[in-house]
Protein backbone atom coordinates (compact mmCIF):
# COMPACT_ATOMS: atom_id res chain seq x y z
CA MET A 1 180.05 111.69 67.21
CA THR A 2 176.30 110.18 66.84
CA PRO A 3 174.92 108.40 69.95
CA SER A 4 175.21 104.96 67.80
CA GLU A 5 178.62 105.32 67.97
CA THR A 6 178.88 105.94 71.28
CA THR A 7 176.28 104.20 73.18
CA THR A 8 176.33 100.78 74.77
CA LEU A 9 172.69 101.51 75.95
CA ARG A 10 170.39 98.99 73.50
CA THR A 11 167.21 98.38 75.48
CA LEU A 12 165.07 99.49 78.26
CA ALA A 13 166.80 97.45 80.63
CA ASP A 14 170.21 98.62 80.06
CA ALA A 15 168.92 102.43 80.19
CA ILE A 16 166.99 102.11 83.45
CA ASP A 17 169.89 100.60 84.92
CA ALA A 18 172.39 103.41 83.80
CA PHE A 19 169.75 105.97 84.87
CA LEU A 20 169.18 104.75 88.32
CA LEU A 21 172.96 104.78 88.97
CA TYR A 22 172.94 108.24 87.69
CA ALA A 23 170.34 109.07 90.14
CA ARG A 24 172.03 107.57 92.72
CA ILE A 25 175.18 109.08 92.63
CA GLU A 26 173.29 112.14 92.54
CA ALA A 27 171.62 111.43 95.64
CA ARG A 28 167.82 111.28 95.06
CA LEU A 29 165.88 110.98 97.95
CA PRO A 30 164.61 107.38 98.61
CA SER A 31 161.17 108.60 98.21
CA THR A 32 161.97 109.58 94.58
CA MET A 33 163.90 106.45 93.83
CA HIS A 34 161.02 104.50 95.00
CA CYS A 35 158.77 106.68 92.35
CA TYR A 36 161.29 105.91 89.49
CA GLU A 37 161.43 102.28 90.32
CA GLU A 38 157.71 101.67 90.22
CA ALA A 39 156.95 104.04 87.32
CA PHE A 40 159.56 101.42 85.49
CA GLN A 41 157.68 98.27 86.53
CA ASP A 42 154.61 99.75 84.91
CA LEU A 43 156.20 100.11 81.62
CA ILE A 44 158.18 96.95 81.97
CA GLY A 45 154.64 94.80 82.48
CA PHE A 46 153.38 97.06 79.71
CA VAL A 47 155.32 96.71 77.03
CA GLY A 48 156.03 92.69 78.28
CA THR A 49 159.90 92.58 78.71
CA ILE A 50 162.50 94.42 80.19
CA ASN A 51 164.55 93.73 76.82
CA ILE A 52 162.72 95.68 74.63
CA PRO A 53 164.93 97.80 72.11
CA LEU A 54 164.76 101.57 72.71
CA THR A 55 164.39 102.21 69.09
CA GLN A 56 160.50 100.33 69.64
CA LEU A 57 159.62 102.69 72.41
CA THR A 58 157.93 105.46 70.63
CA ALA A 59 155.37 108.55 70.99
CA GLY A 60 152.72 105.94 69.84
CA GLU A 61 153.65 103.41 72.35
CA PHE A 62 153.43 105.53 75.50
CA ARG A 63 150.27 107.18 73.63
CA ARG A 64 148.79 102.79 73.75
CA TRP A 65 150.02 102.97 77.47
CA ILE A 66 148.40 106.04 78.34
CA ALA A 67 144.82 104.71 76.87
CA THR A 68 145.07 101.49 78.28
CA ARG A 69 145.86 102.96 82.12
CA LEU A 70 143.03 105.09 81.26
CA ASP A 71 141.01 101.77 80.36
CA GLN A 72 142.17 100.25 83.27
CA GLY A 73 140.96 102.83 85.69
CA TYR A 74 144.24 104.61 86.91
CA ALA A 75 144.01 107.85 88.17
CA LYS A 76 145.07 110.50 86.01
CA THR A 77 147.23 111.88 88.48
CA THR A 78 149.17 108.38 88.69
CA ILE A 79 149.48 108.64 84.95
CA ASN A 80 151.08 111.87 84.93
CA VAL A 81 153.46 111.21 87.32
CA ARG A 82 155.02 108.17 85.66
CA LEU A 83 154.64 110.26 82.38
CA ARG A 84 156.82 112.44 84.41
CA VAL A 85 159.09 109.83 85.39
CA PHE A 86 159.37 108.50 81.69
CA ARG A 87 159.86 111.94 80.30
CA THR A 88 162.89 112.20 82.85
CA LEU A 89 164.43 109.23 82.20
CA PHE A 90 164.28 109.84 78.34
CA PHE A 91 165.32 113.47 78.33
CA TRP A 92 168.55 112.20 80.51
CA LEU A 93 169.43 109.92 77.60
CA VAL A 94 169.15 112.27 74.98
CA ARG A 95 171.18 114.66 77.14
CA GLU A 96 173.94 112.06 77.93
CA GLY A 97 173.81 111.16 73.67
CA TYR A 98 172.37 107.71 73.93
CA ILE A 99 169.49 108.32 72.05
CA LEU A 100 168.84 111.40 69.32
CA GLU A 101 164.68 112.17 70.47
CA ASN A 102 162.58 112.00 73.10
CA PRO A 103 159.66 110.06 72.36
CA LEU A 104 157.72 112.20 74.85
CA ALA A 105 158.28 115.27 73.70
CA HIS A 106 155.29 116.21 72.57
CA ILE A 107 153.17 113.94 74.99
CA LYS A 108 151.30 116.69 77.02
CA PRO A 109 150.09 115.36 80.71
CA LEU A 110 146.28 114.79 81.03
CA LYS A 111 144.46 117.40 82.04
CA VAL A 112 143.03 117.19 85.42
CA PRO A 113 140.07 119.02 87.16
CA LYS A 114 141.34 121.41 90.27
CA GLN A 115 140.13 119.61 92.90
CA TYR A 116 140.59 121.61 96.53
CA PRO A 117 142.44 119.69 99.11
CA PHE A 118 140.54 118.88 102.27
CA VAL A 119 140.92 120.75 105.21
CA LEU A 120 139.62 120.91 108.42
CA SER A 121 137.28 123.61 109.76
CA ASP A 122 138.28 125.86 112.70
CA ALA A 123 136.33 123.89 115.20
CA GLN A 124 137.88 120.67 114.12
CA ALA A 125 141.29 121.90 114.01
CA GLN A 126 140.61 123.19 117.93
CA ALA A 127 138.98 119.54 118.69
CA LEU A 128 142.07 117.84 117.40
CA VAL A 129 144.21 119.70 119.57
CA LYS A 130 142.01 119.80 122.72
CA ALA A 131 141.94 115.72 121.76
CA VAL A 132 145.96 115.26 122.95
CA ASP A 133 146.57 114.48 126.53
CA ARG A 134 149.26 116.99 127.13
CA GLN A 135 150.24 115.33 130.56
CA SER A 136 152.20 112.13 129.63
CA TRP A 137 155.17 111.26 127.50
CA ALA A 138 153.97 110.58 124.53
CA GLY A 139 151.33 113.27 124.79
CA LYS A 140 153.62 115.77 125.01
CA ARG A 141 155.40 114.47 122.17
CA ASN A 142 152.28 114.42 119.80
CA TRP A 143 151.15 117.97 120.84
CA THR A 144 154.27 119.34 119.52
CA LEU A 145 154.38 117.04 116.11
CA LEU A 146 150.76 118.12 115.76
CA LEU A 147 151.36 121.78 116.16
CA ILE A 148 154.78 121.44 113.73
CA LEU A 149 152.31 120.31 111.32
CA LEU A 150 149.71 122.99 111.59
CA ASP A 151 152.28 125.74 112.11
CA GLY A 152 155.21 124.55 110.47
CA MET A 153 153.08 123.38 107.55
CA LEU A 154 155.56 120.37 107.04
CA ARG A 155 154.93 117.47 104.85
CA LEU A 156 154.75 113.90 106.63
CA SER A 157 158.48 112.95 105.42
CA GLU A 158 159.92 116.38 106.45
CA LEU A 159 158.33 115.76 109.53
CA VAL A 160 159.66 112.35 110.69
CA ASN A 161 163.28 113.41 108.67
CA LEU A 162 163.78 116.25 111.12
CA GLU A 163 167.09 116.45 113.50
CA VAL A 164 167.72 117.85 116.70
CA ARG A 165 169.99 120.07 115.16
CA ASP A 166 167.35 121.72 113.00
CA VAL A 167 165.81 123.51 115.35
CA SER A 168 166.94 127.11 116.16
CA PHE A 169 165.09 128.57 119.42
CA SER A 170 166.92 131.88 118.93
CA ALA A 171 165.75 132.26 115.62
CA HIS A 172 162.47 130.68 116.57
CA SER A 173 162.74 128.49 113.11
CA ILE A 174 163.34 125.22 111.92
CA ARG A 175 165.37 123.96 108.95
CA VAL A 176 163.69 121.33 106.45
CA ARG A 177 167.04 119.95 104.92
CA HIS A 178 164.99 117.10 102.92
CA GLY A 179 162.34 118.87 101.17
CA LYS A 180 160.50 117.90 98.09
CA GLY A 181 163.09 117.42 95.51
CA ASP A 182 166.00 117.67 97.88
CA LYS A 183 165.33 121.09 98.70
CA GLU A 184 166.07 122.92 102.00
CA ARG A 185 163.58 125.83 103.30
CA ILE A 186 163.54 127.45 106.91
CA VAL A 187 160.05 127.40 108.40
CA PHE A 188 159.16 129.22 111.85
CA MET A 189 157.79 128.72 115.10
CA GLY A 190 154.86 130.43 116.48
CA LYS A 191 154.99 131.13 120.31
CA ARG A 192 152.92 128.25 120.89
CA LEU A 193 155.10 125.87 119.06
CA THR A 194 158.60 127.46 120.57
CA ARG A 195 157.33 126.34 124.23
CA ALA A 196 156.04 123.08 123.25
CA MET A 197 159.41 122.62 121.29
CA GLN A 198 161.31 123.52 124.76
CA ASP A 199 159.30 121.01 126.82
CA TRP A 200 159.75 118.24 124.21
CA PHE A 201 163.41 118.86 124.55
CA HIS A 202 163.79 118.82 127.67
CA LEU A 203 161.51 115.29 128.18
CA ARG A 204 163.22 113.86 124.93
CA GLY A 205 166.88 114.22 126.66
CA GLN A 206 169.53 112.21 124.35
CA PRO A 207 169.25 108.88 123.71
CA ILE A 208 172.44 107.65 122.29
CA GLY A 209 172.83 107.01 118.40
CA GLU A 210 169.40 108.92 117.72
CA ASP A 211 169.41 112.25 116.06
CA ARG A 212 165.62 112.33 115.26
CA LEU A 213 163.77 115.05 116.50
CA PHE A 214 160.60 112.67 117.39
CA ILE A 215 161.06 109.34 119.00
CA THR A 216 159.48 106.61 120.50
CA LYS A 217 160.00 105.92 124.38
CA ALA A 218 161.92 103.30 123.63
CA GLY A 219 164.42 105.75 121.77
CA SER A 220 164.11 104.89 118.20
CA SER A 221 163.13 107.31 115.23
CA LEU A 222 159.42 107.94 114.89
CA THR A 223 157.97 106.57 111.46
CA LYS A 224 155.42 107.83 109.17
CA ARG A 225 153.17 105.08 109.96
CA SER A 226 153.37 105.80 113.37
CA VAL A 227 152.82 109.84 113.23
CA SER A 228 149.41 108.86 110.97
CA ARG A 229 148.44 106.37 113.24
CA ILE A 230 149.03 109.16 116.26
CA LEU A 231 146.54 111.36 114.23
CA LYS A 232 143.97 108.94 113.37
CA ARG A 233 143.83 108.01 117.13
CA LEU A 234 143.43 111.78 118.11
CA ALA A 235 140.61 112.13 115.22
CA THR A 236 138.52 109.43 116.74
CA LYS A 237 138.93 110.92 120.00
CA ALA A 238 137.92 114.48 118.60
CA LYS A 239 135.08 113.00 116.84
CA ILE A 240 136.15 114.18 113.37
CA LYS A 241 134.53 111.85 110.83
CA ASP A 242 133.78 114.03 107.44
CA VAL A 243 137.38 114.28 106.69
CA ARG A 244 140.28 111.73 106.83
CA CYS A 245 142.82 113.67 109.37
CA SER A 246 146.37 113.06 107.73
CA PRO A 247 149.53 114.70 108.29
CA HIS A 248 148.59 116.40 104.69
CA THR A 249 145.64 117.61 105.95
CA LEU A 250 146.72 119.24 108.46
CA ARG A 251 149.41 121.33 106.57
CA HIS A 252 146.60 122.17 103.98
CA THR A 253 144.65 123.40 107.17
CA GLY A 254 147.69 125.61 108.45
CA ALA A 255 148.36 127.19 104.55
CA THR A 256 144.43 127.87 104.66
CA LEU A 257 144.59 129.22 108.12
CA PHE A 258 148.19 130.98 107.32
CA ILE A 259 146.01 133.28 104.63
CA LYS A 260 142.99 133.30 106.60
CA TYR A 261 144.66 135.54 109.34
CA GLY A 262 146.21 137.80 107.12
CA GLY A 263 149.53 136.05 105.53
CA ASP A 264 150.60 136.76 102.02
CA PRO A 265 150.74 134.20 99.62
CA PHE A 266 154.25 134.61 98.60
CA SER A 267 155.42 134.36 101.87
CA LEU A 268 153.30 131.32 102.05
CA GLN A 269 154.78 129.88 98.78
CA ARG A 270 158.24 130.17 100.45
CA LEU A 271 157.10 128.52 104.33
CA LEU A 272 155.57 125.66 101.94
CA GLY A 273 158.29 125.00 99.52
CA HIS A 274 156.31 125.50 96.40
CA SER A 275 158.44 126.16 93.40
CA ASP A 276 155.55 127.59 91.65
CA ILE A 277 153.29 130.43 92.83
CA SER A 278 150.10 129.18 91.26
CA THR A 279 150.20 125.94 93.67
CA THR A 280 150.21 128.06 96.67
CA MET A 281 147.36 130.04 95.31
CA ILE A 282 144.71 127.33 95.63
CA TYR A 283 144.74 128.16 99.71
CA VAL A 284 143.85 132.22 98.92
CA HIS A 285 141.00 130.60 96.71
CA MET A 286 140.27 128.19 99.78
CA ALA A 287 140.06 130.82 101.87
CA GLY A 288 137.73 132.76 99.75
CA THR A 289 135.09 133.40 102.91
CA ALA A 290 137.33 134.88 105.25
CA LEU A 291 138.99 136.99 102.15
CA ARG A 292 135.49 138.45 101.50
CA GLU A 293 134.73 139.28 105.26
CA ALA A 294 138.32 141.36 105.53
CA HIS A 295 137.52 142.92 102.08
CA ALA A 296 133.99 143.86 103.22
CA LYS A 297 135.87 145.47 106.56
CA ALA A 298 138.76 146.96 104.42
CA SER A 299 136.90 148.15 101.20
CA PRO A 300 139.21 150.60 99.98
CA VAL A 301 135.90 152.78 98.32
CA ASP A 302 133.66 152.08 101.42
CA ARG A 303 136.60 153.46 103.54
CA LEU A 304 137.22 156.47 101.15
CA LEU A 305 133.40 157.16 100.15
CA GLY A 306 131.35 155.87 103.15
CA GLY A 307 129.34 152.57 102.91
CA GLY A 308 126.61 154.48 101.26
């Protein structure tokens, strides 16, 4: 049976509706659904109508979309993200038998120059930590979430979705149930973070109807925007000006320090939730100075034959 004999999807509108229904059934994360919808709105705006026949969405049309967005100044990373969404849509259409070929099968992502993420220096990280008022209710909460971002190296979405039940003091661990791609992983707490978490549990109490780990004094869950504002205020207090002190900056900083202080990239890959080790290796390159110093101290040949 050919696709033309089974399909009822004729237009882009039909395809998007069917695909988004499938994605909801598969319990895609809200952030993923938002990414899909944003990309589809872009495509609809480009072709001019949501009712364009699928047969008109050719490889040439998508190359024209890429060229237009580049001319308009879109970031290559943004274009690549949306290309990935389009590719996912058409892969699904082929797999389900709605179309014969994926028009994006031979369209490669744009080459993006490798950029190292921003990280805090040791002095900046220490200043940020010292900027927390650990005597107040909010300060003790902020101290704990700051240590989680640095020690647990969580993403912002992972942090705000943590629940009380995710913390295990016996295992000194935190279960991240809503990681990127909805993947679950375990991260661990050092001694300082464990003590901070114990203090926070005692202070937090058990507000009725709220299971999220980090809450406001009124008992509602802490939002992404609230966390970003907290870090911005702390960065101002710590007089950090040359680096944007975002939750992701702290994740990058923690990962770089992990390598600098002797952690291995394969363990870091699991802690960060990376599917590809090449993504993790960027932190090895970023910790290059520390690695050179470590090699100078432990050079196999120098140790074996003497420094000379």
